[in-house]
Each structure stands twice: as structure tokens, then as C-alpha cells.
Amino acid sequence: MIFAISLVQPKKKKDLTMVSKEEKKVSKITWIILGVLSGFLLPLQTTTNGKLRTATGSLLGASFISFFVGMIILIILILITNIA
């Protein structure tokens, strides 16, 4: 989510006026591809969580691992966006 927010942040007005039609087309195609790929993530997460529950034998253990990994990824994304 942090990565998506950093992509959507508005640029300076001067930069927006110099964008060509070709750049707008490439940007639109990029957003379409990103949307399709993100559509694959929810079923993938559901499958992974199901297998994790089976592997741990505990619903709470699987939930903890899932949230912990998500938290680590969010921290890394926050650090990357604050440095860049």
C-alpha cells in the first residue's frame, strides 16, 4: 500500500505540463498491468494462509506469522520511501 501511495503522489505542476501523449499512454498501460497483477495477490494470500495453517496446526500461529511477515514488509517499504 505504501508503494502505491508513493507512486500516486502528485508531481510538481511544471513536470505535469511537460508530459507527452506517449508518456501518458505508457503510464496508463503501466497502471492497467499493475492492477491486473495485484488482482492475483488476494487468492495467492488466501492459499498461502491456508497452507500455513495446515503447516503450523494452529490458526493463531498462522495468523501471527502472516501478520508478522506483513509488518516486516511494510517497515521495509516505509524505510525505502523515506530514504528515496
Protein backbone atom coordinates (compact mmCIF):
# COMPACT_ATOMS: atom_id res chain seq x y z
CA MET A 1 0.00 0.00 0.00
CA ILE A 2 2.86 2.38 0.84
CA PHE A 3 4.43 1.68 -2.55
CA ALA A 4 1.16 2.50 -4.32
CA ILE A 5 0.78 5.74 -2.36
CA SER A 6 4.30 6.80 -3.27
CA LEU A 7 3.50 6.22 -6.95
CA VAL A 8 0.32 8.26 -6.81
CA GLN A 9 1.84 11.29 -5.07
CA PRO A 10 1.35 14.31 -7.33
CA LYS A 11 4.37 15.69 -9.13
CA LYS A 12 5.19 19.38 -9.46
CA LYS A 13 2.85 21.28 -11.80
CA LYS A 14 5.76 22.19 -14.04
CA ASP A 15 6.53 18.49 -14.58
CA LEU A 16 2.88 17.66 -15.33
CA THR A 17 2.61 20.20 -18.14
CA MET A 18 5.62 18.71 -19.95
CA VAL A 19 4.23 15.16 -20.10
CA SER A 20 3.78 13.96 -23.67
CA LYS A 21 0.91 11.85 -25.00
CA GLU A 22 3.28 8.88 -25.36
CA GLU A 23 4.29 9.12 -21.70
CA LYS A 24 0.62 9.28 -20.67
CA LYS A 25 -0.12 6.17 -22.75
CA VAL A 26 2.79 4.27 -21.19
CA SER A 27 1.67 5.40 -17.73
CA LYS A 28 -1.89 4.18 -18.38
CA ILE A 29 -0.65 0.79 -19.61
CA THR A 30 1.58 0.51 -16.53
CA TRP A 31 -1.38 1.15 -14.21
CA ILE A 32 -3.51 -1.44 -16.04
CA ILE A 33 -0.77 -4.07 -15.73
CA LEU A 34 -0.25 -3.19 -12.06
CA GLY A 35 -4.00 -3.55 -11.43
CA VAL A 36 -4.19 -6.96 -13.10
CA LEU A 37 -1.15 -8.24 -11.22
CA SER A 38 -2.49 -7.00 -7.89
CA GLY A 39 -5.70 -8.92 -8.60
CA PHE A 40 -3.68 -12.13 -8.34
CA LEU A 41 -2.44 -11.31 -4.84
CA LEU A 42 -5.60 -11.92 -2.78
CA PRO A 43 -6.17 -15.52 -3.96
CA LEU A 44 -2.45 -16.15 -3.56
CA GLN A 45 -2.54 -14.87 0.02
CA THR A 46 -5.60 -16.98 0.81
CA THR A 47 -3.88 -20.12 -0.47
CA THR A 48 -0.67 -19.31 1.40
CA ASN A 49 -2.55 -18.68 4.65
CA GLY A 50 -4.41 -21.98 4.29
CA LYS A 51 -1.19 -23.92 3.78
CA LEU A 52 0.43 -22.02 6.67
CA ARG A 53 -2.42 -23.01 8.97
CA THR A 54 -2.00 -26.63 7.96
CA ALA A 55 1.77 -26.47 8.48
CA THR A 56 1.56 -24.84 11.91
CA GLY A 57 -1.52 -26.74 13.05
CA SER A 58 -2.76 -23.56 14.71
CA LEU A 59 -4.99 -20.79 13.47
CA LEU A 60 -3.43 -18.28 15.84
CA GLY A 61 0.12 -19.30 14.95
CA ALA A 62 -0.59 -18.97 11.24
CA SER A 63 -2.23 -15.58 11.78
CA PHE A 64 0.72 -14.35 13.83
CA ILE A 65 3.23 -15.42 11.17
CA SER A 66 1.15 -13.84 8.41
CA PHE A 67 0.80 -10.51 10.21
CA PHE A 68 4.43 -10.52 11.30
CA VAL A 69 5.68 -11.00 7.74
CA GLY A 70 3.30 -8.27 6.54
CA MET A 71 4.58 -5.92 9.23
CA ILE A 72 8.20 -6.54 8.23
CA ILE A 73 7.38 -5.85 4.58
CA LEU A 74 5.58 -2.60 5.49
CA ILE A 75 8.52 -1.45 7.61
CA ILE A 76 10.91 -2.11 4.73
CA LEU A 77 8.64 -0.18 2.32
CA ILE A 78 8.40 2.75 4.75
CA LEU A 79 12.17 2.84 5.11
CA ILE A 80 12.64 2.72 1.33
CA THR A 81 10.15 5.52 0.67
CA ASN A 82 11.58 7.74 3.40
CA ILE A 83 15.14 7.33 2.12
CA ALA A 84 14.25 7.92 -1.54
